[in-house]
Amino acid sequence: MASAAATELSHLLPSLSRSPRISRLAPPHPENSHRTLVSFSSSIRAPTGDLVCTRNGRGPVVVAAGTKHLMGSLTKTEGMRFAVVVSRFNEVVTSLLLEGALETFRRYSVTEENITVVKVPGSFEIPVVAQQLGRSGDFHAVLCIGAVIRGDTTHYDAVANSAASGVLSAGLNSGVPCIFGVLTCDDMDQAINRAGGKSGNKGAEAALTAIEMASLFRDHLK
């Protein structure tokens, strides 16, 4: 029985190998071997113009030649006048922020007689004073410094939101850059860290922004 089955199977195998239902992969056509099926090169184009490297005082900036780019400078501070509005509330923090701002002004050659410091009770009072200083026409920029620290009530949210929107409105209404340098922190440790601690001094950073924006308005936007 086994030998008969084997003999019958041996007769079937050649016929199966010749069956048209068994397909074989054809070798790649020579014309297809170098054909690109998908190409993304058409969506990536190099800029047609030349590139120019310039500086704004903080670092190099690459721009396309032929396009007009306006940017404030940190080095052309001669004759610039700044007002600094400082909140007395949380003075242990705001005094450090003010110190960082004044040191930055000095480092960038802003003379002391061109800096006016105005102190107000709290951060809520900063915007109205900033707007008045901006409208006076005596200053190229107004730097606003304060510190709002979260407590157990919603008072923090009201003061922080009012200070932020108020400083923005002061700049829009006066036409003079009003720089937001008000810290909004969850606790005193966060505030100290941002007033000269491991997170840097945000007063110094705000002073840099004030210089650059004053230059942009004075040299390009007036």
Protein backbone atom coordinates (compact mmCIF):
# COMPACT_ATOMS: atom_id res chain seq x y z
CA MET A 1 0.00 0.00 0.00
CA ALA A 2 2.77 2.46 0.96
CA SER A 3 4.77 1.72 -2.19
CA ALA A 4 1.70 2.23 -4.37
CA ALA A 5 0.96 5.60 -2.73
CA ALA A 6 4.54 6.72 -3.20
CA THR A 7 4.44 5.73 -6.86
CA GLU A 8 1.22 7.69 -7.40
CA LEU A 9 2.68 10.79 -5.64
CA SER A 10 5.80 10.67 -7.79
CA HIS A 11 3.58 10.89 -10.90
CA LEU A 12 1.67 13.88 -9.50
CA LEU A 13 4.69 16.09 -8.57
CA PRO A 14 5.89 16.81 -12.11
CA SER A 15 2.39 17.86 -13.17
CA LEU A 16 2.07 20.20 -10.17
CA SER A 17 5.38 21.90 -10.99
CA ARG A 18 4.06 22.57 -14.52
CA SER A 19 0.70 23.92 -13.30
CA PRO A 20 -0.04 27.51 -14.39
CA ARG A 21 -1.54 28.23 -10.94
CA ILE A 22 1.98 28.19 -9.41
CA SER A 23 3.36 31.72 -10.09
CA ARG A 24 6.98 32.66 -10.01
CA LEU A 25 8.45 36.11 -9.45
CA ALA A 26 9.84 37.49 -12.64
CA PRO A 27 13.32 39.00 -12.47
CA PRO A 28 13.35 42.82 -12.41
CA HIS A 29 13.23 44.40 -15.81
CA PRO A 30 16.42 46.28 -16.66
CA GLU A 31 14.40 49.41 -17.38
CA ASN A 32 12.81 49.29 -13.90
CA SER A 33 16.02 48.73 -11.93
CA HIS A 34 16.93 52.44 -11.94
CA ARG A 35 13.43 53.92 -11.86
CA THR A 36 12.53 56.18 -8.89
CA LEU A 37 9.13 55.22 -7.56
CA VAL A 38 8.65 58.12 -5.10
CA SER A 39 10.46 61.45 -5.03
CA PHE A 40 10.13 64.29 -2.55
CA SER A 41 12.79 66.51 -4.06
CA SER A 42 10.25 68.79 -5.71
CA SER A 43 8.89 69.88 -2.32
CA ILE A 44 12.30 70.92 -0.95
CA ARG A 45 13.76 73.97 -2.63
CA ALA A 46 16.80 75.96 -1.64
CA PRO A 47 16.36 79.71 -1.27
CA THR A 48 16.98 81.50 -4.53
CA GLY A 49 18.61 84.56 -2.94
CA ASP A 50 21.88 84.87 -1.10
CA LEU A 51 22.06 84.57 2.67
CA VAL A 52 23.45 87.35 4.81
CA CYS A 53 24.66 86.99 8.41
CA THR A 54 24.04 89.99 10.64
CA ARG A 55 24.04 90.66 14.38
CA ASN A 56 21.64 92.38 16.77
CA GLY A 57 23.95 92.40 19.80
CA ARG A 58 22.80 89.04 21.17
CA GLY A 59 24.00 86.71 18.42
CA PRO A 60 24.22 86.11 14.67
CA VAL A 61 21.01 86.12 12.64
CA VAL A 62 20.84 84.67 9.14
CA VAL A 63 18.42 86.40 6.76
CA ALA A 64 17.74 86.26 3.03
CA ALA A 65 19.37 89.06 1.04
CA GLY A 66 16.95 91.43 -0.66
CA THR A 67 14.35 91.21 2.14
CA LYS A 68 14.15 94.16 4.54
CA HIS A 69 14.54 93.05 8.15
CA LEU A 70 14.11 95.50 11.04
CA MET A 71 15.75 94.65 14.34
CA GLY A 72 16.63 96.54 17.49
CA SER A 73 20.24 96.86 18.59
CA LEU A 74 21.77 96.39 22.03
CA THR A 75 24.85 98.43 21.23
CA LYS A 76 23.38 101.75 20.05
CA THR A 77 22.17 103.05 23.41
CA GLU A 78 23.56 106.60 23.25
CA GLY A 79 20.88 109.10 24.21
CA MET A 80 18.32 106.47 25.17
CA ARG A 81 16.15 107.23 28.19
CA PHE A 82 14.39 104.60 30.28
CA ALA A 83 11.81 104.61 33.06
CA VAL A 84 11.60 101.74 35.53
CA VAL A 85 8.35 101.26 37.47
CA VAL A 86 8.94 99.05 40.52
CA SER A 87 6.46 97.54 42.94
CA ARG A 88 7.36 97.86 46.64
CA PHE A 89 5.26 94.80 47.52
CA ASN A 90 7.49 91.74 47.94
CA GLU A 91 10.40 94.18 48.01
CA VAL A 92 12.87 91.46 48.96
CA VAL A 93 12.34 90.18 45.42
CA THR A 94 11.69 93.37 43.47
CA SER A 95 14.82 95.06 44.85
CA LEU A 96 16.92 92.24 43.39
CA LEU A 97 15.11 92.51 40.05
CA LEU A 98 15.72 96.28 40.02
CA GLU A 99 19.39 95.76 40.82
CA GLY A 100 19.73 93.33 37.92
CA ALA A 101 18.00 95.75 35.53
CA LEU A 102 20.16 98.73 36.54
CA GLU A 103 23.34 96.69 36.26
CA THR A 104 22.33 95.61 32.75
CA PHE A 105 21.64 99.20 31.72
CA ARG A 106 25.09 100.21 32.96
CA ARG A 107 26.74 97.31 31.17
CA TYR A 108 25.18 98.43 27.90
CA SER A 109 26.31 102.04 28.36
CA VAL A 110 23.01 103.58 29.43
CA THR A 111 23.98 106.50 31.67
CA GLU A 112 22.44 106.91 35.11
CA GLU A 113 20.99 110.32 34.30
CA ASN A 114 18.95 108.67 31.55
CA ILE A 115 17.28 106.22 33.95
CA THR A 116 14.29 107.22 36.10
CA VAL A 117 13.03 104.82 38.78
CA VAL A 118 9.42 105.19 39.98
CA LYS A 119 8.21 103.10 42.93
CA VAL A 120 4.55 102.15 43.38
CA PRO A 121 2.74 100.24 46.17
CA GLY A 122 2.11 97.01 44.26
CA SER A 123 2.02 95.32 40.86
CA PHE A 124 -1.62 96.33 40.37
CA GLU A 125 -0.58 100.00 40.29
CA ILE A 126 2.22 99.51 37.72
CA PRO A 127 0.19 99.82 34.46
CA VAL A 128 -1.38 103.23 35.04
CA VAL A 129 2.00 104.74 35.96
CA ALA A 130 3.70 103.05 33.01
CA GLN A 131 1.11 104.47 30.63
CA GLN A 132 1.55 107.99 32.01
CA LEU A 133 5.33 107.75 31.69
CA GLY A 134 5.02 106.48 28.14
CA ARG A 135 2.71 109.31 27.15
CA SER A 136 5.06 111.92 28.62
CA GLY A 137 7.38 111.56 25.63
CA ASP A 138 10.42 111.57 27.91
CA PHE A 139 11.33 107.89 27.57
CA HIS A 140 12.16 105.43 24.83
CA ALA A 141 10.87 102.47 26.87
CA VAL A 142 9.28 101.75 30.24
CA LEU A 143 10.38 98.70 32.24
CA CYS A 144 7.79 97.31 34.67
CA ILE A 145 9.08 95.28 37.63
CA GLY A 146 7.05 93.46 40.27
CA ALA A 147 6.50 90.14 42.00
CA VAL A 148 3.15 88.43 42.54
CA ILE A 149 3.26 85.26 44.64
CA ARG A 150 0.36 82.82 44.86
CA GLY A 151 -1.50 82.64 48.17
CA ASP A 152 -4.51 80.80 49.53
CA THR A 153 -7.09 82.95 47.73
CA THR A 154 -7.83 84.00 44.15
CA HIS A 155 -6.29 87.43 44.77
CA TYR A 156 -3.13 86.21 43.01
CA ASP A 157 -4.99 85.54 39.76
CA ALA A 158 -6.69 88.92 39.78
CA VAL A 159 -3.45 90.85 40.36
CA ALA A 160 -1.33 88.79 37.96
CA ASN A 161 -3.85 89.01 35.12
CA SER A 162 -4.47 92.71 35.68
CA ALA A 163 -0.76 93.49 35.74
CA ALA A 164 -0.09 91.58 32.52
CA SER A 165 -3.00 93.00 30.56
CA GLY A 166 -2.44 96.45 32.03
CA VAL A 167 1.21 96.65 30.97
CA LEU A 168 0.22 95.53 27.48
CA SER A 169 -2.48 98.20 27.30
CA ALA A 170 -0.03 100.83 28.57
CA GLY A 171 2.29 100.12 25.67
CA LEU A 172 -0.50 100.10 23.11
CA ASN A 173 -2.09 103.30 24.39
CA SER A 174 1.13 105.27 24.79
CA GLY A 175 2.96 104.05 21.69
CA VAL A 176 6.06 103.42 23.81
CA PRO A 177 7.35 99.89 24.57
CA CYS A 178 6.27 98.86 28.08
CA ILE A 179 8.21 95.76 29.10
CA PHE A 180 6.60 93.17 31.39
CA GLY A 181 9.07 92.25 34.11
CA VAL A 182 6.57 91.12 36.75
CA LEU A 183 7.25 87.71 38.26
CA THR A 184 4.21 85.47 38.82
CA CYS A 185 5.34 82.60 41.04
CA ASP A 186 3.81 79.85 43.13
CA ASP A 187 6.05 80.52 46.16
CA MET A 188 8.87 82.69 47.44
CA ASP A 189 11.55 80.17 46.49
CA GLN A 190 10.55 80.38 42.83
CA ALA A 191 10.66 84.17 43.00
CA ILE A 192 14.12 84.28 44.60
CA ASN A 193 15.45 81.82 42.03
CA ARG A 194 14.31 84.20 39.27
CA ALA A 195 15.69 87.29 40.97
CA GLY A 196 19.35 86.38 40.74
CA GLY A 197 19.23 82.74 41.81
CA LYS A 198 19.78 79.60 39.76
CA SER A 199 17.19 80.68 37.17
CA GLY A 200 18.95 83.97 36.47
CA ASN A 201 17.70 87.50 37.00
CA LYS A 202 14.50 88.31 35.12
CA GLY A 203 15.01 92.00 35.81
CA ALA A 204 18.25 91.89 33.82
CA GLU A 205 16.52 90.01 31.01
CA ALA A 206 13.70 92.57 30.92
CA ALA A 207 16.25 95.40 30.71
CA LEU A 208 17.78 93.77 27.62
CA THR A 209 14.34 93.57 26.06
CA ALA A 210 13.74 97.24 26.89
CA ILE A 211 16.98 98.28 25.16
CA GLU A 212 16.25 96.25 22.05
CA MET A 213 12.66 97.48 21.76
CA ALA A 214 13.71 101.10 22.37
CA SER A 215 16.24 100.79 19.57
CA LEU A 216 13.69 99.20 17.25
CA PHE A 217 11.18 102.02 17.80
CA ARG A 218 13.71 104.87 17.71
CA ASP A 219 15.75 103.71 14.73
CA HIS A 220 13.15 101.96 12.56
CA LEU A 221 9.54 102.54 13.56
CA LYS A 222 9.29 106.28 14.10
